[in-house]
């Protein structure tokens, strides 16, 4: 929650900085607020009012966050929204990385359970594959794992996708057995 507040405040600062940098303003020798006759045009006045309203709204939201206050104990509270946190089975996660280690990893998100890889050729194979793995449940179960395979030219057969899923599940069970012997 504290990181969320800090990131919100930083984003507000970036927006304010971006708004101040967007105007031609003083750097071009023109303040941007006055016409040659010394009066504001309607567009300029409207733009200025919107900018002032945005700044006021940002200041009000920052003041509301400061009024709430936070303590050191907020770091240790479990106040996360249960609808946004996903539990991922660590054995399925590690097994997916082990089995698909020949593929370059493009992105991983352990909080949502998604692993996206780039194209790579398996050892002894001639076709390049790409995989997206989704671990969606904390249970060590086949229903917790979804694997999507792609190739550059042809569709991947269902048997190939099933074989990769089976290899990941087998490796996950091996890891679980190894940990139970500790």
N, C-alpha and C. Protein backbone atom coordinates (compact mmCIF):
# COMPACT_ATOMS: atom_id res chain seq x y z
N UNK A 1 0.83 -1.17 0.00
CA UNK A 1 0.00 0.00 0.00
C UNK A 1 0.88 1.25 0.00
N UNK A 2 1.96 1.23 0.77
CA UNK A 2 2.84 2.39 0.83
C UNK A 2 3.51 2.59 -0.52
N UNK A 3 3.93 1.50 -1.15
CA UNK A 3 4.53 1.63 -2.48
C UNK A 3 3.53 2.19 -3.47
N UNK A 4 2.27 1.82 -3.33
CA UNK A 4 1.24 2.34 -4.22
C UNK A 4 1.11 3.85 -4.03
N UNK A 5 1.12 4.31 -2.78
CA UNK A 5 1.01 5.74 -2.51
C UNK A 5 2.22 6.49 -3.04
N UNK A 6 3.40 5.93 -2.85
CA UNK A 6 4.62 6.57 -3.34
C UNK A 6 4.60 6.65 -4.85
N UNK A 7 4.20 5.55 -5.50
CA UNK A 7 4.16 5.57 -6.96
C UNK A 7 3.10 6.54 -7.46
N UNK A 8 1.97 6.68 -6.75
CA UNK A 8 0.94 7.64 -7.15
C UNK A 8 1.47 9.06 -7.04
N UNK A 9 2.17 9.35 -5.95
CA UNK A 9 2.74 10.68 -5.79
C UNK A 9 3.79 10.97 -6.85
N UNK A 10 4.60 9.96 -7.18
CA UNK A 10 5.61 10.15 -8.21
C UNK A 10 4.96 10.39 -9.57
N UNK A 11 3.89 9.66 -9.86
CA UNK A 11 3.19 9.85 -11.13
C UNK A 11 2.60 11.25 -11.20
N UNK A 12 2.06 11.74 -10.09
CA UNK A 12 1.52 13.09 -10.07
C UNK A 12 2.62 14.12 -10.35
N UNK A 13 3.79 13.89 -9.77
CA UNK A 13 4.92 14.78 -10.04
C UNK A 13 5.35 14.74 -11.49
N UNK A 14 5.36 13.55 -12.07
CA UNK A 14 5.74 13.41 -13.48
C UNK A 14 4.73 14.12 -14.36
N UNK A 15 3.44 13.99 -14.03
CA UNK A 15 2.40 14.66 -14.81
C UNK A 15 2.56 16.17 -14.71
N UNK A 16 2.78 16.68 -13.51
CA UNK A 16 2.98 18.12 -13.35
C UNK A 16 4.21 18.60 -14.11
N UNK A 17 5.28 17.85 -14.02
CA UNK A 17 6.50 18.22 -14.75
C UNK A 17 6.25 18.20 -16.25
N UNK A 18 5.52 17.17 -16.71
CA UNK A 18 5.21 17.07 -18.13
C UNK A 18 4.34 18.22 -18.59
N UNK A 19 3.36 18.60 -17.77
CA UNK A 19 2.52 19.73 -18.13
C UNK A 19 3.31 21.02 -18.19
N UNK A 20 4.22 21.21 -17.27
CA UNK A 20 5.01 22.44 -17.28
C UNK A 20 5.99 22.45 -18.44
N UNK A 21 6.45 21.28 -18.87
CA UNK A 21 7.40 21.23 -19.97
C UNK A 21 6.72 21.35 -21.33
N UNK A 22 5.42 21.08 -21.40
CA UNK A 22 4.72 21.09 -22.68
C UNK A 22 4.48 22.49 -23.22
N UNK A 23 4.30 23.47 -22.37
CA UNK A 23 4.03 24.82 -22.85
C UNK A 23 5.27 25.44 -23.45
N UNK A 24 5.08 26.23 -24.52
CA UNK A 24 6.22 26.91 -25.15
C UNK A 24 6.81 27.90 -24.18
N UNK A 25 5.94 28.64 -23.54
CA UNK A 25 6.22 29.50 -22.40
C UNK A 25 7.47 30.32 -22.46
N UNK A 26 8.18 30.36 -21.37
CA UNK A 26 9.31 31.26 -21.19
C UNK A 26 10.51 30.91 -22.04
N UNK A 27 10.67 29.67 -22.39
CA UNK A 27 11.83 29.28 -23.18
C UNK A 27 11.77 29.87 -24.58
N UNK A 28 10.57 30.09 -25.12
CA UNK A 28 10.44 30.65 -26.46
C UNK A 28 10.36 32.16 -26.45
N UNK A 29 10.43 32.77 -25.27
CA UNK A 29 10.35 34.22 -25.18
C UNK A 29 8.93 34.72 -25.05
N UNK A 30 7.93 33.84 -25.08
CA UNK A 30 6.53 34.20 -24.96
C UNK A 30 5.97 33.47 -23.76
N UNK A 31 5.28 34.17 -22.90
CA UNK A 31 4.75 33.51 -21.71
C UNK A 31 3.61 32.58 -22.05
N UNK A 32 2.99 32.71 -23.22
CA UNK A 32 1.92 31.82 -23.62
C UNK A 32 0.59 32.19 -23.02
N UNK A 33 0.52 33.22 -22.19
CA UNK A 33 -0.71 33.58 -21.54
C UNK A 33 -1.37 34.81 -22.15
N UNK A 34 -0.62 35.63 -22.83
CA UNK A 34 -1.16 36.90 -23.30
C UNK A 34 -1.06 37.02 -24.80
N UNK A 35 -2.05 37.69 -25.34
CA UNK A 35 -2.07 38.02 -26.74
C UNK A 35 -1.25 39.29 -26.92
N UNK A 36 -1.09 39.72 -28.14
CA UNK A 36 -0.30 40.94 -28.37
C UNK A 36 -0.92 42.14 -27.68
N UNK A 37 -2.21 42.18 -27.61
CA UNK A 37 -2.87 43.32 -26.97
C UNK A 37 -2.81 43.24 -25.46
N UNK A 38 -2.33 42.16 -24.89
CA UNK A 38 -2.21 42.05 -23.44
C UNK A 38 -3.37 41.35 -22.78
N UNK A 39 -4.32 40.78 -23.55
CA UNK A 39 -5.44 40.07 -22.95
C UNK A 39 -5.34 38.58 -23.28
N UNK A 40 -5.97 37.77 -22.47
CA UNK A 40 -5.99 36.32 -22.68
C UNK A 40 -6.97 35.97 -23.79
N UNK A 41 -6.58 35.05 -24.66
CA UNK A 41 -7.55 34.52 -25.61
C UNK A 41 -8.40 33.49 -24.89
N UNK A 42 -9.54 33.13 -25.47
CA UNK A 42 -10.42 32.16 -24.82
C UNK A 42 -9.75 30.80 -24.69
N UNK A 43 -9.04 30.37 -25.72
CA UNK A 43 -8.37 29.07 -25.67
C UNK A 43 -7.30 29.04 -24.60
N UNK A 44 -6.55 30.14 -24.51
CA UNK A 44 -5.50 30.20 -23.50
C UNK A 44 -6.08 30.23 -22.10
N UNK A 45 -7.15 30.98 -21.91
CA UNK A 45 -7.79 31.04 -20.60
C UNK A 45 -8.36 29.69 -20.22
N UNK A 46 -8.98 29.01 -21.18
CA UNK A 46 -9.54 27.69 -20.92
C UNK A 46 -8.44 26.69 -20.55
N UNK A 47 -7.35 26.75 -21.29
CA UNK A 47 -6.22 25.86 -21.02
C UNK A 47 -5.63 26.14 -19.64
N UNK A 48 -5.54 27.40 -19.29
CA UNK A 48 -4.98 27.77 -17.98
C UNK A 48 -5.90 27.30 -16.86
N UNK A 49 -7.23 27.45 -17.05
CA UNK A 49 -8.18 27.00 -16.03
C UNK A 49 -8.12 25.49 -15.84
N UNK A 50 -8.00 24.75 -16.94
CA UNK A 50 -7.89 23.28 -16.83
C UNK A 50 -6.63 22.88 -16.09
N UNK A 51 -5.51 23.54 -16.40
CA UNK A 51 -4.25 23.22 -15.72
C UNK A 51 -4.34 23.52 -14.23
N UNK A 52 -4.96 24.66 -13.89
CA UNK A 52 -5.12 25.00 -12.47
C UNK A 52 -6.05 24.01 -11.77
N UNK A 53 -7.10 23.59 -12.45
CA UNK A 53 -8.02 22.61 -11.86
C UNK A 53 -7.33 21.27 -11.64
N UNK A 54 -6.50 20.85 -12.59
CA UNK A 54 -5.76 19.60 -12.43
C UNK A 54 -4.78 19.68 -11.27
N UNK A 55 -4.07 20.79 -11.18
CA UNK A 55 -3.13 20.96 -10.06
C UNK A 55 -3.86 20.92 -8.72
N UNK A 56 -5.01 21.59 -8.66
CA UNK A 56 -5.78 21.61 -7.41
C UNK A 56 -6.27 20.21 -7.05
N UNK A 57 -6.70 19.43 -8.04
CA UNK A 57 -7.17 18.07 -7.78
C UNK A 57 -6.02 17.20 -7.28
N UNK A 58 -4.85 17.35 -7.87
CA UNK A 58 -3.69 16.57 -7.43
C UNK A 58 -3.30 16.95 -6.00
N UNK A 59 -3.32 18.23 -5.70
CA UNK A 59 -2.98 18.68 -4.35
C UNK A 59 -3.99 18.16 -3.33
N UNK A 60 -5.29 18.13 -3.71
CA UNK A 60 -6.31 17.61 -2.79
C UNK A 60 -6.10 16.13 -2.52
N UNK A 61 -5.77 15.36 -3.57
CA UNK A 61 -5.57 13.93 -3.36
C UNK A 61 -4.32 13.66 -2.53
N UNK A 62 -3.27 14.44 -2.75
CA UNK A 62 -2.06 14.27 -1.93
C UNK A 62 -2.33 14.64 -0.48
N UNK A 63 -3.12 15.69 -0.27
CA UNK A 63 -3.45 16.09 1.09
C UNK A 63 -4.29 15.02 1.78
N UNK A 64 -5.21 14.40 1.05
CA UNK A 64 -6.03 13.34 1.63
C UNK A 64 -5.19 12.14 2.03
N UNK A 65 -4.19 11.82 1.22
CA UNK A 65 -3.30 10.70 1.56
C UNK A 65 -2.47 11.03 2.79
N UNK A 66 -2.01 12.28 2.90
CA UNK A 66 -1.21 12.66 4.06
C UNK A 66 -2.04 12.66 5.33
N UNK A 67 -3.32 13.07 5.22
CA UNK A 67 -4.18 13.10 6.39
C UNK A 67 -4.43 11.70 6.94
N UNK A 68 -4.53 10.71 6.06
CA UNK A 68 -4.76 9.34 6.51
C UNK A 68 -3.60 8.88 7.36
N UNK A 69 -2.40 9.19 6.93
CA UNK A 69 -1.22 8.80 7.67
C UNK A 69 -0.93 7.32 7.53
N UNK A 70 0.27 6.96 7.81
CA UNK A 70 0.63 5.55 7.81
C UNK A 70 1.69 5.33 8.88
N UNK A 71 1.79 4.10 9.28
CA UNK A 71 2.76 3.77 10.31
C UNK A 71 3.69 2.69 9.80
N UNK A 72 4.67 2.41 10.57
CA UNK A 72 5.60 1.34 10.24
C UNK A 72 4.89 0.00 10.21
N UNK A 73 3.84 -0.13 11.01
CA UNK A 73 3.12 -1.40 11.09
C UNK A 73 2.31 -1.69 9.83
N UNK A 74 2.06 -0.67 9.01
CA UNK A 74 1.36 -0.90 7.74
C UNK A 74 2.16 -1.80 6.81
N UNK A 75 3.47 -1.80 6.97
CA UNK A 75 4.30 -2.67 6.15
C UNK A 75 4.03 -4.15 6.43
N UNK A 76 3.67 -4.46 7.67
CA UNK A 76 3.49 -5.84 8.08
C UNK A 76 2.04 -6.30 8.06
N UNK A 77 1.13 -5.39 7.76
CA UNK A 77 -0.27 -5.80 7.71
C UNK A 77 -0.57 -6.46 6.37
N UNK A 78 -1.52 -7.34 6.38
CA UNK A 78 -1.93 -8.04 5.16
C UNK A 78 -3.17 -7.34 4.62
N UNK A 79 -3.00 -6.11 4.14
CA UNK A 79 -4.13 -5.32 3.69
C UNK A 79 -4.28 -5.35 2.18
N UNK A 80 -3.65 -6.28 1.49
CA UNK A 80 -3.77 -6.37 0.04
C UNK A 80 -5.17 -6.83 -0.33
N UNK A 81 -5.60 -6.37 -1.48
CA UNK A 81 -6.90 -6.77 -2.00
C UNK A 81 -6.81 -8.22 -2.46
N UNK A 82 -7.61 -9.12 -1.91
CA UNK A 82 -7.51 -10.53 -2.29
C UNK A 82 -7.91 -10.78 -3.74
N UNK A 83 -8.59 -9.83 -4.36
CA UNK A 83 -8.98 -10.00 -5.75
C UNK A 83 -7.83 -9.72 -6.72
N UNK A 84 -6.77 -9.10 -6.25
CA UNK A 84 -5.66 -8.78 -7.14
C UNK A 84 -4.43 -9.66 -6.90
N UNK A 85 -4.42 -10.41 -5.83
CA UNK A 85 -3.27 -11.28 -5.58
C UNK A 85 -3.60 -12.69 -6.04
N UNK A 86 -2.65 -13.34 -6.66
CA UNK A 86 -2.81 -14.69 -7.16
C UNK A 86 -1.72 -15.54 -6.55
N UNK A 87 -2.09 -16.68 -6.02
CA UNK A 87 -1.10 -17.58 -5.47
C UNK A 87 -0.66 -18.53 -6.57
N UNK A 88 0.64 -18.75 -6.65
CA UNK A 88 1.21 -19.58 -7.70
C UNK A 88 1.93 -20.74 -7.06
N UNK A 89 1.76 -21.94 -7.62
CA UNK A 89 2.45 -23.11 -7.11
C UNK A 89 3.93 -23.00 -7.46
N UNK A 90 4.78 -23.01 -6.44
CA UNK A 90 6.21 -22.81 -6.67
C UNK A 90 6.84 -23.98 -7.43
N UNK A 91 6.31 -25.17 -7.26
CA UNK A 91 6.88 -26.32 -7.97
C UNK A 91 6.55 -26.27 -9.46
N UNK A 92 5.32 -25.89 -9.79
CA UNK A 92 4.96 -25.74 -11.20
C UNK A 92 5.74 -24.60 -11.83
N UNK A 93 5.94 -23.54 -11.08
CA UNK A 93 6.69 -22.39 -11.58
C UNK A 93 8.14 -22.80 -11.90
N UNK A 94 8.80 -23.43 -10.94
CA UNK A 94 10.19 -23.83 -11.13
C UNK A 94 10.30 -24.91 -12.21
N UNK A 95 9.39 -25.85 -12.25
CA UNK A 95 9.41 -26.90 -13.25
C UNK A 95 9.24 -26.32 -14.65
N UNK A 96 8.39 -25.32 -14.80
CA UNK A 96 8.21 -24.67 -16.10
C UNK A 96 9.51 -24.04 -16.57
N UNK A 97 10.19 -23.38 -15.66
CA UNK A 97 11.48 -22.77 -16.02
C UNK A 97 12.53 -23.83 -16.33
N UNK A 98 12.51 -24.95 -15.60
CA UNK A 98 13.48 -26.03 -15.85
C UNK A 98 13.25 -26.71 -17.19
N UNK A 99 11.99 -27.06 -17.48
CA UNK A 99 11.68 -27.80 -18.70
C UNK A 99 11.89 -26.93 -19.94
N UNK A 100 11.54 -25.66 -19.84
CA UNK A 100 11.64 -24.77 -21.00
C UNK A 100 12.91 -23.91 -20.95
N UNK A 101 13.97 -24.44 -20.35
CA UNK A 101 15.20 -23.65 -20.19
C UNK A 101 15.92 -23.37 -21.50
N UNK A 102 15.56 -24.06 -22.57
CA UNK A 102 16.19 -23.80 -23.87
C UNK A 102 15.56 -22.60 -24.58
N UNK A 103 14.45 -22.10 -24.06
CA UNK A 103 13.78 -20.94 -24.65
C UNK A 103 14.20 -19.67 -23.93
N UNK A 104 14.48 -18.60 -24.68
CA UNK A 104 14.83 -17.34 -24.02
C UNK A 104 13.60 -16.72 -23.36
N UNK A 105 13.75 -16.28 -22.14
CA UNK A 105 12.62 -15.71 -21.40
C UNK A 105 12.46 -14.25 -21.80
N UNK A 106 11.23 -13.90 -22.21
CA UNK A 106 10.93 -12.52 -22.55
C UNK A 106 10.36 -11.76 -21.36
N UNK A 107 9.45 -12.40 -20.63
CA UNK A 107 8.91 -11.75 -19.44
C UNK A 107 8.37 -12.82 -18.49
N UNK A 108 8.48 -12.50 -17.21
CA UNK A 108 7.93 -13.36 -16.16
C UNK A 108 7.22 -12.46 -15.15
N UNK A 109 6.14 -12.96 -14.63
CA UNK A 109 5.41 -12.25 -13.59
C UNK A 109 4.97 -13.27 -12.55
N UNK A 110 5.75 -13.44 -11.49
CA UNK A 110 5.40 -14.45 -10.49
C UNK A 110 4.14 -14.12 -9.70
N UNK A 111 3.69 -12.88 -9.74
CA UNK A 111 2.49 -12.50 -9.00
C UNK A 111 1.22 -12.93 -9.73
N UNK A 112 1.27 -12.98 -11.06
CA UNK A 112 0.11 -13.45 -11.83
C UNK A 112 0.33 -14.84 -12.38
N UNK A 113 1.55 -15.35 -12.33
CA UNK A 113 1.84 -16.70 -12.77
C UNK A 113 2.05 -16.85 -14.25
N UNK A 114 2.54 -15.82 -14.92
CA UNK A 114 2.71 -15.87 -16.37
C UNK A 114 4.20 -15.86 -16.73
N UNK A 115 4.58 -16.79 -17.61
CA UNK A 115 5.93 -16.86 -18.16
C UNK A 115 5.79 -16.80 -19.68
N UNK A 116 6.44 -15.83 -20.30
CA UNK A 116 6.40 -15.69 -21.76
C UNK A 116 7.83 -15.85 -22.27
N UNK A 117 8.00 -16.75 -23.25
CA UNK A 117 9.34 -16.99 -23.80
C UNK A 117 9.38 -16.56 -25.25
N UNK A 118 10.59 -16.43 -25.75
CA UNK A 118 10.80 -16.16 -27.16
C UNK A 118 11.00 -17.46 -27.91
N UNK A 119 11.32 -17.36 -29.19
CA UNK A 119 11.53 -18.55 -30.00
C UNK A 119 12.87 -19.20 -29.68
N UNK A 120 12.87 -20.52 -29.60
CA UNK A 120 14.07 -21.29 -29.36
C UNK A 120 13.89 -22.70 -29.88
N UNK A 121 15.00 -23.34 -30.17
CA UNK A 121 14.97 -24.70 -30.70
C UNK A 121 15.35 -25.68 -29.60
N UNK A 122 14.54 -26.72 -29.37
CA UNK A 122 14.89 -27.69 -28.34
C UNK A 122 16.13 -28.48 -28.75
N UNK A 123 16.85 -29.01 -27.77
CA UNK A 123 18.03 -29.81 -28.09
C UNK A 123 17.66 -31.01 -28.96
N UNK A 124 18.34 -31.14 -30.08
CA UNK A 124 18.07 -32.26 -30.99
C UNK A 124 16.88 -32.03 -31.90
N UNK A 125 16.27 -30.86 -31.84
CA UNK A 125 15.11 -30.56 -32.68
C UNK A 125 15.47 -29.59 -33.79
N UNK A 126 14.60 -29.50 -34.77
CA UNK A 126 14.86 -28.61 -35.88
C UNK A 126 13.85 -27.47 -35.98
N UNK A 127 12.78 -27.51 -35.22
CA UNK A 127 11.74 -26.49 -35.29
C UNK A 127 11.83 -25.57 -34.08
N UNK A 128 11.66 -24.27 -34.32
CA UNK A 128 11.70 -23.28 -33.24
C UNK A 128 10.32 -23.14 -32.62
N UNK A 129 10.28 -23.12 -31.31
CA UNK A 129 9.03 -22.99 -30.57
C UNK A 129 9.06 -21.75 -29.70
N UNK A 130 7.86 -21.33 -29.34
CA UNK A 130 7.68 -20.23 -28.40
C UNK A 130 6.58 -20.68 -27.44
N UNK A 131 6.72 -20.35 -26.15
CA UNK A 131 5.75 -20.82 -25.16
C UNK A 131 5.26 -19.69 -24.27
N UNK A 132 4.02 -19.83 -23.85
CA UNK A 132 3.45 -18.99 -22.82
C UNK A 132 2.87 -19.93 -21.77
N UNK A 133 3.35 -19.80 -20.54
CA UNK A 133 2.93 -20.67 -19.45
C UNK A 133 2.13 -19.83 -18.46
N UNK A 134 1.01 -20.40 -18.02
CA UNK A 134 0.16 -19.73 -17.05
C UNK A 134 -0.10 -20.68 -15.89
N UNK A 135 0.49 -20.38 -14.72
CA UNK A 135 0.27 -21.15 -13.49
C UNK A 135 -0.79 -20.38 -12.71
N UNK A 136 -1.98 -20.96 -12.57
CA UNK A 136 -3.10 -20.19 -12.07
C UNK A 136 -3.63 -20.61 -10.71
N UNK A 137 -2.99 -21.57 -10.07
CA UNK A 137 -3.54 -22.05 -8.80
C UNK A 137 -2.40 -22.53 -7.92
N UNK A 138 -2.54 -22.47 -6.60
CA UNK A 138 -1.47 -22.95 -5.73
C UNK A 138 -1.40 -24.48 -5.63
N UNK A 139 -2.37 -25.18 -6.18
CA UNK A 139 -2.38 -26.64 -6.09
C UNK A 139 -1.42 -27.24 -7.11
N UNK A 140 -0.77 -28.33 -6.73
CA UNK A 140 0.08 -29.07 -7.66
C UNK A 140 -0.83 -30.02 -8.42
N UNK A 141 -1.43 -29.50 -9.47
CA UNK A 141 -2.49 -30.20 -10.18
C UNK A 141 -2.42 -29.82 -11.65
N UNK A 142 -2.85 -30.71 -12.52
CA UNK A 142 -2.84 -30.43 -13.96
C UNK A 142 -3.77 -29.27 -14.31
N UNK A 143 -4.82 -29.06 -13.54
CA UNK A 143 -5.74 -27.95 -13.81
C UNK A 143 -5.11 -26.60 -13.50
N UNK A 144 -4.01 -26.60 -12.75
CA UNK A 144 -3.35 -25.36 -12.38
C UNK A 144 -2.40 -24.85 -13.45
N UNK A 145 -2.17 -25.63 -14.49
CA UNK A 145 -1.16 -25.31 -15.49
C UNK A 145 -1.78 -25.20 -16.88
N UNK A 146 -1.43 -24.14 -17.58
CA UNK A 146 -1.82 -23.98 -18.98
C UNK A 146 -0.57 -23.60 -19.76
N UNK A 147 -0.34 -24.32 -20.85
CA UNK A 147 0.81 -24.06 -21.71
C UNK A 147 0.31 -23.83 -23.13
N UNK A 148 0.73 -22.73 -23.73
CA UNK A 148 0.41 -22.45 -25.13
C UNK A 148 1.71 -22.43 -25.91
N UNK A 149 1.80 -23.27 -26.94
CA UNK A 149 3.00 -23.34 -27.78
C UNK A 149 2.69 -22.78 -29.16
N UNK A 150 3.71 -22.16 -29.74
CA UNK A 150 3.60 -21.62 -31.09
C UNK A 150 4.87 -21.95 -31.86
N UNK A 151 4.73 -22.06 -33.18
CA UNK A 151 5.90 -22.13 -34.05
C UNK A 151 5.79 -21.00 -35.05
N UNK A 152 6.85 -20.81 -35.79
CA UNK A 152 6.84 -19.71 -36.77
C UNK A 152 6.00 -20.02 -37.99
N UNK A 153 5.95 -21.28 -38.39
CA UNK A 153 5.27 -21.60 -39.63
C UNK A 153 4.01 -22.42 -39.49
N UNK A 154 4.07 -23.46 -38.72
CA UNK A 154 2.95 -24.41 -38.66
C UNK A 154 2.36 -24.43 -37.25
N UNK A 155 1.10 -24.86 -37.13
CA UNK A 155 0.51 -24.98 -35.79
C UNK A 155 1.15 -26.14 -35.03
N UNK A 156 1.13 -26.02 -33.73
CA UNK A 156 1.69 -27.06 -32.87
C UNK A 156 0.62 -28.11 -32.62
N UNK A 157 1.00 -29.34 -32.73
CA UNK A 157 0.03 -30.42 -32.53
C UNK A 157 -0.36 -30.51 -31.05
N UNK A 158 -1.54 -31.02 -30.82
CA UNK A 158 -2.03 -31.18 -29.44
C UNK A 158 -1.16 -32.14 -28.65
N UNK A 159 -0.58 -33.14 -29.33
CA UNK A 159 0.29 -34.11 -28.65
C UNK A 159 1.56 -33.43 -28.13
N UNK A 160 2.10 -32.50 -28.93
CA UNK A 160 3.31 -31.79 -28.51
C UNK A 160 3.02 -30.93 -27.28
N UNK A 161 1.93 -30.19 -27.32
CA UNK A 161 1.56 -29.35 -26.17
C UNK A 161 1.30 -30.20 -24.94
N UNK A 162 0.63 -31.34 -25.12
CA UNK A 162 0.37 -32.25 -24.00
C UNK A 162 1.66 -32.82 -23.44
N UNK A 163 2.63 -33.14 -24.31
CA UNK A 163 3.91 -33.68 -23.86
C UNK A 163 4.68 -32.65 -23.02
N UNK A 164 4.63 -31.39 -23.42
CA UNK A 164 5.30 -30.34 -22.65
C UNK A 164 4.62 -30.18 -21.29
N UNK A 165 3.30 -30.16 -21.25
CA UNK A 165 2.58 -30.07 -19.98
C UNK A 165 2.92 -31.25 -19.07
N UNK A 166 2.96 -32.46 -19.64
CA UNK A 166 3.29 -33.64 -18.85
C UNK A 166 4.72 -33.56 -18.30
N UNK A 167 5.64 -33.07 -19.12
CA UNK A 167 7.03 -32.94 -18.66
C UNK A 167 7.12 -31.94 -17.51
N UNK A 168 6.38 -30.83 -17.60
CA UNK A 168 6.38 -29.84 -16.51
C UNK A 168 5.78 -30.43 -15.24
N UNK A 169 4.66 -31.14 -15.37
CA UNK A 169 4.03 -31.74 -14.19
C UNK A 169 4.92 -32.80 -13.55
N UNK A 170 5.60 -33.60 -14.37
CA UNK A 170 6.51 -34.62 -13.84
C UNK A 170 7.66 -33.97 -13.09
N UNK A 171 8.22 -32.93 -13.67
CA UNK A 171 9.34 -32.22 -13.01
C UNK A 171 8.87 -31.57 -11.72
N UNK A 172 7.66 -31.03 -11.70
CA UNK A 172 7.13 -30.41 -10.48
C UNK A 172 6.97 -31.44 -9.37
N UNK A 173 6.49 -32.61 -9.72
CA UNK A 173 6.36 -33.67 -8.71
C UNK A 173 7.72 -34.09 -8.18
N UNK A 174 8.72 -34.18 -9.06
CA UNK A 174 10.09 -34.51 -8.62
C UNK A 174 10.62 -33.47 -7.65
N UNK A 175 10.39 -32.21 -7.95
CA UNK A 175 10.84 -31.14 -7.05
C UNK A 175 10.14 -31.23 -5.70
N UNK A 176 8.86 -31.53 -5.71
CA UNK A 176 8.11 -31.64 -4.45
C UNK A 176 8.61 -32.80 -3.61
N UNK A 177 8.89 -33.94 -4.24
CA UNK A 177 9.41 -35.10 -3.54
C UNK A 177 10.79 -34.80 -2.96
N UNK A 178 11.61 -34.11 -3.74
CA UNK A 178 12.95 -33.75 -3.26
C UNK A 178 12.86 -32.86 -2.04
N UNK A 179 11.93 -31.89 -2.04
CA UNK A 179 11.78 -30.99 -0.89
C UNK A 179 11.21 -31.70 0.34
N UNK A 180 10.40 -32.72 0.14
CA UNK A 180 9.83 -33.43 1.28
C UNK A 180 10.85 -34.29 2.00
N UNK A 181 11.93 -34.63 1.31
CA UNK A 181 12.98 -35.45 1.93
C UNK A 181 13.93 -34.62 2.76
N UNK A 182 13.83 -33.30 2.69
CA UNK A 182 14.72 -32.45 3.49
C UNK A 182 14.34 -32.53 4.89
